[in-house]
PDB file of all heavy atoms in Angstrom:
ATOM      1  N   ARG A   1     -31.383  22.148 -15.492  1.00  0.00           N
ATOM      2  CA  ARG A   1     -32.465  22.524 -16.388  1.00  0.00           C
ATOM      3  C   ARG A   1     -32.365  21.857 -17.754  1.00  0.00           C
ATOM      4  O   ARG A   1     -33.363  21.719 -18.434  1.00  0.00           O
ATOM      5  CB  ARG A   1     -32.517  24.031 -16.547  1.00  0.00           C
ATOM      6  CG  ARG A   1     -31.311  24.625 -17.212  1.00  0.00           C
ATOM      7  CD  ARG A   1     -31.450  26.131 -17.307  1.00  0.00           C
ATOM      8  NE  ARG A   1     -30.244  26.736 -17.772  1.00  0.00           N
ATOM      9  CZ  ARG A   1     -29.885  26.816 -19.039  1.00  0.00           C
ATOM     10  NH1 ARG A   1     -30.649  26.312 -19.962  1.00  0.00           N
ATOM     11  NH2 ARG A   1     -28.758  27.385 -19.383  1.00  0.00           N
ATOM     12  N   THR A   2     -31.174  21.431 -18.159  1.00  0.00           N
ATOM     13  CA  THR A   2     -31.045  20.839 -19.486  1.00  0.00           C
ATOM     14  C   THR A   2     -30.876  19.332 -19.458  1.00  0.00           C
ATOM     15  O   THR A   2     -30.834  18.724 -20.502  1.00  0.00           O
ATOM     16  CB  THR A   2     -29.837  21.449 -20.217  1.00  0.00           C
ATOM     17  OG1 THR A   2     -28.682  21.198 -19.438  1.00  0.00           O
ATOM     18  CG2 THR A   2     -30.019  22.919 -20.452  1.00  0.00           C
ATOM     19  N   SER A   3     -30.784  18.724 -18.321  1.00  0.00           N
ATOM     20  CA  SER A   3     -30.504  17.293 -18.254  1.00  0.00           C
ATOM     21  C   SER A   3     -31.540  16.463 -18.991  1.00  0.00           C
ATOM     22  O   SER A   3     -31.203  15.492 -19.638  1.00  0.00           O
ATOM     23  CB  SER A   3     -30.415  16.821 -16.804  1.00  0.00           C
ATOM     24  OG  SER A   3     -29.291  17.379 -16.199  1.00  0.00           O
ATOM     25  N   ARG A   4     -32.809  16.797 -18.880  1.00  0.00           N
ATOM     26  CA  ARG A   4     -33.839  16.017 -19.550  1.00  0.00           C
ATOM     27  C   ARG A   4     -33.635  16.056 -21.063  1.00  0.00           C
ATOM     28  O   ARG A   4     -33.681  15.047 -21.742  1.00  0.00           O
ATOM     29  CB  ARG A   4     -35.230  16.505 -19.188  1.00  0.00           C
ATOM     30  CG  ARG A   4     -36.270  15.448 -19.517  1.00  0.00           C
ATOM     31  CD  ARG A   4     -37.654  15.892 -19.105  1.00  0.00           C
ATOM     32  NE  ARG A   4     -38.369  16.125 -20.351  1.00  0.00           N
ATOM     33  CZ  ARG A   4     -39.011  17.214 -20.681  1.00  0.00           C
ATOM     34  NH1 ARG A   4     -39.075  18.209 -19.850  1.00  0.00           N
ATOM     35  NH2 ARG A   4     -39.612  17.327 -21.827  1.00  0.00           N
ATOM     36  N   GLY A   5     -33.359  17.234 -21.592  1.00  0.00           N
ATOM     37  CA  GLY A   5     -33.135  17.365 -23.023  1.00  0.00           C
ATOM     38  C   GLY A   5     -31.896  16.626 -23.485  1.00  0.00           C
ATOM     39  O   GLY A   5     -31.872  16.063 -24.569  1.00  0.00           O
ATOM     40  N   ILE A   6     -30.866  16.617 -22.678  1.00  0.00           N
ATOM     41  CA  ILE A   6     -29.646  15.907 -23.025  1.00  0.00           C
ATOM     42  C   ILE A   6     -29.913  14.414 -23.078  1.00  0.00           C
ATOM     43  O   ILE A   6     -29.612  13.752 -24.051  1.00  0.00           O
ATOM     44  CB  ILE A   6     -28.531  16.206 -21.999  1.00  0.00           C
ATOM     45  CG1 ILE A   6     -28.108  17.652 -22.094  1.00  0.00           C
ATOM     46  CG2 ILE A   6     -27.342  15.280 -22.209  1.00  0.00           C
ATOM     47  CD1 ILE A   6     -27.237  18.093 -20.965  1.00  0.00           C
ATOM     48  N   ALA A   7     -30.479  13.883 -22.038  1.00  0.00           N
ATOM     49  CA  ALA A   7     -30.653  12.441 -21.931  1.00  0.00           C
ATOM     50  C   ALA A   7     -31.685  11.903 -22.920  1.00  0.00           C
ATOM     51  O   ALA A   7     -31.629  10.739 -23.270  1.00  0.00           O
ATOM     52  CB  ALA A   7     -31.040  12.065 -20.519  1.00  0.00           C
ATOM     53  N   GLU A   8     -32.601  12.724 -23.392  1.00  0.00           N
ATOM     54  CA  GLU A   8     -33.589  12.249 -24.349  1.00  0.00           C
ATOM     55  C   GLU A   8     -32.945  11.799 -25.647  1.00  0.00           C
ATOM     56  O   GLU A   8     -33.471  10.948 -26.334  1.00  0.00           O
ATOM     57  CB  GLU A   8     -34.610  13.348 -24.662  1.00  0.00           C
ATOM     58  CG  GLU A   8     -35.607  13.554 -23.566  1.00  0.00           C
ATOM     59  CD  GLU A   8     -36.526  14.726 -23.843  1.00  0.00           C
ATOM     60  OE1 GLU A   8     -36.364  15.402 -24.874  1.00  0.00           O
ATOM     61  OE2 GLU A   8     -37.398  14.972 -23.006  1.00  0.00           O
ATOM     62  N   LYS A   9     -31.813  12.351 -25.993  1.00  0.00           N
ATOM     63  CA  LYS A   9     -31.191  12.053 -27.273  1.00  0.00           C
ATOM     64  C   LYS A   9     -30.047  11.050 -27.174  1.00  0.00           C
ATOM     65  O   LYS A   9     -29.509  10.639 -28.173  1.00  0.00           O
ATOM     66  CB  LYS A   9     -30.643  13.347 -27.895  1.00  0.00           C
ATOM     67  CG  LYS A   9     -31.695  14.417 -28.069  1.00  0.00           C
ATOM     68  CD  LYS A   9     -32.778  13.965 -29.000  1.00  0.00           C
ATOM     69  CE  LYS A   9     -33.801  15.073 -29.166  1.00  0.00           C
ATOM     70  NZ  LYS A   9     -34.910  14.685 -29.969  1.00  0.00           N
ATOM     71  N   ILE A  10     -29.647  10.654 -25.986  1.00  0.00           N
ATOM     72  CA  ILE A  10     -28.530   9.732 -25.823  1.00  0.00           C
ATOM     73  C   ILE A  10     -29.074   8.316 -25.745  1.00  0.00           C
ATOM     74  O   ILE A  10     -29.893   8.009 -24.909  1.00  0.00           O
ATOM     75  CB  ILE A  10     -27.740  10.035 -24.540  1.00  0.00           C
ATOM     76  CG1 ILE A  10     -27.162  11.438 -24.593  1.00  0.00           C
ATOM     77  CG2 ILE A  10     -26.637   9.020 -24.333  1.00  0.00           C
ATOM     78  CD1 ILE A  10     -26.478  11.846 -23.340  1.00  0.00           C
ATOM     79  N   THR A  11     -28.600   7.449 -26.632  1.00  0.00           N
ATOM     80  CA  THR A  11     -29.013   6.051 -26.586  1.00  0.00           C
ATOM     81  C   THR A  11     -27.829   5.164 -26.911  1.00  0.00           C
ATOM     82  O   THR A  11     -26.906   5.566 -27.609  1.00  0.00           O
ATOM     83  CB  THR A  11     -30.137   5.751 -27.593  1.00  0.00           C
ATOM     84  OG1 THR A  11     -29.673   6.074 -28.900  1.00  0.00           O
ATOM     85  CG2 THR A  11     -31.403   6.521 -27.284  1.00  0.00           C
ATOM     86  N   ALA A  12     -27.851   3.976 -26.393  1.00  0.00           N
ATOM     87  CA  ALA A  12     -26.844   2.978 -26.721  1.00  0.00           C
ATOM     88  C   ALA A  12     -27.576   1.754 -27.237  1.00  0.00           C
ATOM     89  O   ALA A  12     -28.644   1.415 -26.748  1.00  0.00           O
ATOM     90  CB  ALA A  12     -26.014   2.625 -25.493  1.00  0.00           C
ATOM     91  N   THR A  13     -27.003   1.100 -28.238  1.00  0.00           N
ATOM     92  CA  THR A  13     -27.654  -0.069 -28.789  1.00  0.00           C
ATOM     93  C   THR A  13     -27.345  -1.292 -27.939  1.00  0.00           C
ATOM     94  O   THR A  13     -26.389  -1.309 -27.188  1.00  0.00           O
ATOM     95  CB  THR A  13     -27.172  -0.319 -30.228  1.00  0.00           C
ATOM     96  OG1 THR A  13     -25.751  -0.477 -30.202  1.00  0.00           O
ATOM     97  CG2 THR A  13     -27.536   0.847 -31.121  1.00  0.00           C
ATOM     98  N   GLY A  14     -28.156  -2.304 -28.107  1.00  0.00           N
ATOM     99  CA  GLY A  14     -27.928  -3.556 -27.404  1.00  0.00           C
ATOM    100  C   GLY A  14     -28.915  -3.766 -26.288  1.00  0.00           C
ATOM    101  O   GLY A  14     -29.067  -2.913 -25.435  1.00  0.00           O
ATOM    102  N   PRO A  15     -29.608  -4.893 -26.301  1.00  0.00           N
ATOM    103  CA  PRO A  15     -30.649  -5.135 -25.305  1.00  0.00           C
ATOM    104  C   PRO A  15     -30.137  -5.185 -23.873  1.00  0.00           C
ATOM    105  O   PRO A  15     -30.837  -4.787 -22.973  1.00  0.00           O
ATOM    106  CB  PRO A  15     -31.238  -6.483 -25.729  1.00  0.00           C
ATOM    107  CG  PRO A  15     -30.214  -7.094 -26.615  1.00  0.00           C
ATOM    108  CD  PRO A  15     -29.453  -5.974 -27.240  1.00  0.00           C
ATOM    109  N   LEU A  16     -28.896  -5.619 -23.654  1.00  0.00           N
ATOM    110  CA  LEU A  16     -28.392  -5.694 -22.286  1.00  0.00           C
ATOM    111  C   LEU A  16     -28.331  -4.322 -21.644  1.00  0.00           C
ATOM    112  O   LEU A  16     -28.773  -4.128 -20.517  1.00  0.00           O
ATOM    113  CB  LEU A  16     -27.002  -6.343 -22.259  1.00  0.00           C
ATOM    114  CG  LEU A  16     -26.344  -6.405 -20.884  1.00  0.00           C
ATOM    115  CD1 LEU A  16     -27.149  -7.321 -19.968  1.00  0.00           C
ATOM    116  CD2 LEU A  16     -24.929  -6.884 -20.996  1.00  0.00           C
ATOM    117  N   TRP A  17     -27.816  -3.327 -22.370  1.00  0.00           N
ATOM    118  CA  TRP A  17     -27.676  -1.997 -21.792  1.00  0.00           C
ATOM    119  C   TRP A  17     -29.039  -1.376 -21.522  1.00  0.00           C
ATOM    120  O   TRP A  17     -29.242  -0.742 -20.513  1.00  0.00           O
ATOM    121  CB  TRP A  17     -26.867  -1.088 -22.700  1.00  0.00           C
ATOM    122  CG  TRP A  17     -25.487  -1.600 -22.908  1.00  0.00           C
ATOM    123  CD1 TRP A  17     -24.934  -1.983 -24.093  1.00  0.00           C
ATOM    124  CD2 TRP A  17     -24.502  -1.849 -21.917  1.00  0.00           C
ATOM    125  NE1 TRP A  17     -23.667  -2.435 -23.900  1.00  0.00           N
ATOM    126  CE2 TRP A  17     -23.366  -2.362 -22.567  1.00  0.00           C
ATOM    127  CE3 TRP A  17     -24.466  -1.686 -20.540  1.00  0.00           C
ATOM    128  CZ2 TRP A  17     -22.206  -2.709 -21.887  1.00  0.00           C
ATOM    129  CZ3 TRP A  17     -23.307  -2.028 -19.870  1.00  0.00           C
ATOM    130  CH2 TRP A  17     -22.205  -2.533 -20.538  1.00  0.00           C
ATOM    131  N   VAL A  18     -29.986  -1.570 -22.430  1.00  0.00           N
ATOM    132  CA  VAL A  18     -31.323  -1.026 -22.239  1.00  0.00           C
ATOM    133  C   VAL A  18     -31.975  -1.674 -21.023  1.00  0.00           C
ATOM    134  O   VAL A  18     -32.562  -1.011 -20.179  1.00  0.00           O
ATOM    135  CB  VAL A  18     -32.183  -1.231 -23.505  1.00  0.00           C
ATOM    136  CG1 VAL A  18     -33.612  -0.816 -23.268  1.00  0.00           C
ATOM    137  CG2 VAL A  18     -31.582  -0.456 -24.675  1.00  0.00           C
ATOM    138  N   LYS A  19     -31.825  -2.996 -20.903  1.00  0.00           N
ATOM    139  CA  LYS A  19     -32.398  -3.723 -19.772  1.00  0.00           C
ATOM    140  C   LYS A  19     -31.734  -3.294 -18.459  1.00  0.00           C
ATOM    141  O   LYS A  19     -32.402  -3.047 -17.470  1.00  0.00           O
ATOM    142  CB  LYS A  19     -32.194  -5.227 -19.982  1.00  0.00           C
ATOM    143  CG  LYS A  19     -33.202  -6.090 -19.260  1.00  0.00           C
ATOM    144  CD  LYS A  19     -32.947  -7.567 -19.489  1.00  0.00           C
ATOM    145  CE  LYS A  19     -32.928  -7.923 -20.945  1.00  0.00           C
ATOM    146  NZ  LYS A  19     -32.701  -9.344 -21.203  1.00  0.00           N
ATOM    147  N   GLU A  20     -30.409  -3.202 -18.453  1.00  0.00           N
ATOM    148  CA  GLU A  20     -29.678  -2.767 -17.254  1.00  0.00           C
ATOM    149  C   GLU A  20     -30.096  -1.364 -16.849  1.00  0.00           C
ATOM    150  O   GLU A  20     -30.318  -1.072 -15.690  1.00  0.00           O
ATOM    151  CB  GLU A  20     -28.163  -2.786 -17.487  1.00  0.00           C
ATOM    152  CG  GLU A  20     -27.550  -4.149 -17.485  1.00  0.00           C
ATOM    153  CD  GLU A  20     -27.476  -4.745 -16.096  1.00  0.00           C
ATOM    154  OE1 GLU A  20     -27.643  -4.037 -15.096  1.00  0.00           O
ATOM    155  OE2 GLU A  20     -27.254  -5.953 -16.012  1.00  0.00           O
ATOM    156  N   ALA A  21     -30.201  -0.483 -17.830  1.00  0.00           N
ATOM    157  CA  ALA A  21     -30.560   0.901 -17.533  1.00  0.00           C
ATOM    158  C   ALA A  21     -31.961   0.989 -16.951  1.00  0.00           C
ATOM    159  O   ALA A  21     -32.208   1.745 -16.020  1.00  0.00           O
ATOM    160  CB  ALA A  21     -30.457   1.763 -18.787  1.00  0.00           C
ATOM    161  N   ALA A  22     -32.881   0.207 -17.490  1.00  0.00           N
ATOM    162  CA  ALA A  22     -34.255   0.235 -16.994  1.00  0.00           C
ATOM    163  C   ALA A  22     -34.319  -0.229 -15.538  1.00  0.00           C
ATOM    164  O   ALA A  22     -35.029   0.359 -14.724  1.00  0.00           O
ATOM    165  CB  ALA A  22     -35.152  -0.634 -17.862  1.00  0.00           C
ATOM    166  N   THR A  23     -33.541  -1.244 -15.189  1.00  0.00           N
ATOM    167  CA  THR A  23     -33.549  -1.707 -13.798  1.00  0.00           C
ATOM    168  C   THR A  23     -32.851  -0.724 -12.883  1.00  0.00           C
ATOM    169  O   THR A  23     -33.076  -0.719 -11.683  1.00  0.00           O
ATOM    170  CB  THR A  23     -32.877  -3.093 -13.650  1.00  0.00           C
ATOM    171  OG1 THR A  23     -31.520  -3.005 -14.057  1.00  0.00           O
ATOM    172  CG2 THR A  23     -33.605  -4.152 -14.448  1.00  0.00           C
ATOM    173  N   ASN A  24     -32.016   0.126 -13.437  1.00  0.00           N
ATOM    174  CA  ASN A  24     -31.279   1.100 -12.638  1.00  0.00           C
ATOM    175  C   ASN A  24     -31.979   2.447 -12.566  1.00  0.00           C
ATOM    176  O   ASN A  24     -31.426   3.401 -12.042  1.00  0.00           O
ATOM    177  CB  ASN A  24     -29.873   1.298 -13.199  1.00  0.00           C
ATOM    178  CG  ASN A  24     -29.054   0.058 -13.085  1.00  0.00           C
ATOM    179  OD1 ASN A  24     -29.319  -0.777 -12.233  1.00  0.00           O
ATOM    180  ND2 ASN A  24     -28.083  -0.091 -13.939  1.00  0.00           N
ATOM    181  N   GLY A  25     -33.162   2.560 -13.120  1.00  0.00           N
ATOM    182  CA  GLY A  25     -33.912   3.810 -13.041  1.00  0.00           C
ATOM    183  C   GLY A  25     -33.635   4.770 -14.176  1.00  0.00           C
ATOM    184  O   GLY A  25     -34.018   5.922 -14.121  1.00  0.00           O
ATOM    185  N   SER A  26     -32.963   4.338 -15.234  1.00  0.00           N
ATOM    186  CA  SER A  26     -32.652   5.208 -16.360  1.00  0.00           C
ATOM    187  C   SER A  26     -33.080   4.531 -17.648  1.00  0.00           C
ATOM    188  O   SER A  26     -32.866   3.346 -17.831  1.00  0.00           O
ATOM    189  CB  SER A  26     -31.154   5.496 -16.412  1.00  0.00           C
ATOM    190  OG  SER A  26     -30.845   6.244 -17.557  1.00  0.00           O
ATOM    191  N   ASN A  27     -33.685   5.288 -18.559  1.00  0.00           N
ATOM    192  CA  ASN A  27     -34.068   4.704 -19.837  1.00  0.00           C
ATOM    193  C   ASN A  27     -33.250   5.269 -20.996  1.00  0.00           C
ATOM    194  O   ASN A  27     -33.477   4.925 -22.129  1.00  0.00           O
ATOM    195  CB  ASN A  27     -35.561   4.887 -20.099  1.00  0.00           C
ATOM    196  CG  ASN A  27     -35.961   6.346 -20.113  1.00  0.00           C
ATOM    197  OD1 ASN A  27     -35.141   7.229 -19.882  1.00  0.00           O
ATOM    198  ND2 ASN A  27     -37.226   6.603 -20.380  1.00  0.00           N
ATOM    199  N   ARG A  28     -32.308   6.140 -20.751  1.00  0.00           N
ATOM    200  CA  ARG A  28     -31.439   6.706 -21.776  1.00  0.00           C
ATOM    201  C   ARG A  28     -29.994   6.512 -21.323  1.00  0.00           C
ATOM    202  O   ARG A  28     -29.595   7.009 -20.283  1.00  0.00           O
ATOM    203  CB  ARG A  28     -31.698   8.199 -21.957  1.00  0.00           C
ATOM    204  CG  ARG A  28     -33.124   8.558 -22.226  1.00  0.00           C
ATOM    205  CD  ARG A  28     -33.487   8.314 -23.677  1.00  0.00           C
ATOM    206  NE  ARG A  28     -34.740   8.959 -23.981  1.00  0.00           N
ATOM    207  CZ  ARG A  28     -35.830   8.290 -24.272  1.00  0.00           C
ATOM    208  NH1 ARG A  28     -35.842   6.999 -24.284  1.00  0.00           N
ATOM    209  NH2 ARG A  28     -36.935   8.945 -24.562  1.00  0.00           N
ATOM    210  N   VAL A  29     -29.228   5.790 -22.144  1.00  0.00           N
ATOM    211  CA  VAL A  29     -27.845   5.513 -21.778  1.00  0.00           C
ATOM    212  C   VAL A  29     -26.923   5.716 -22.973  1.00  0.00           C
ATOM    213  O   VAL A  29     -27.359   5.694 -24.123  1.00  0.00           O
ATOM    214  CB  VAL A  29     -27.667   4.073 -21.243  1.00  0.00           C
ATOM    215  CG1 VAL A  29     -28.400   3.877 -19.942  1.00  0.00           C
ATOM    216  CG2 VAL A  29     -28.096   3.048 -22.260  1.00  0.00           C
ATOM    217  N   SER A  30     -25.642   5.916 -22.692  1.00  0.00           N
ATOM    218  CA  SER A  30     -24.623   6.021 -23.722  1.00  0.00           C
ATOM    219  C   SER A  30     -23.270   5.703 -23.091  1.00  0.00           C
ATOM    220  O   SER A  30     -23.073   5.887 -21.898  1.00  0.00           O
ATOM    221  CB  SER A  30     -24.589   7.430 -24.305  1.00  0.00           C
ATOM    222  OG  SER A  30     -23.596   7.514 -25.309  1.00  0.00           O
TER     223      SER A  30
END
């Protein structure tokens, strides 16, 4: 029930991680 709220606030900088996460089905990474 809380996973969405948790992941909304977790981010990592750097275009590679954002790009990798997007291809892996996730848009919030840390």
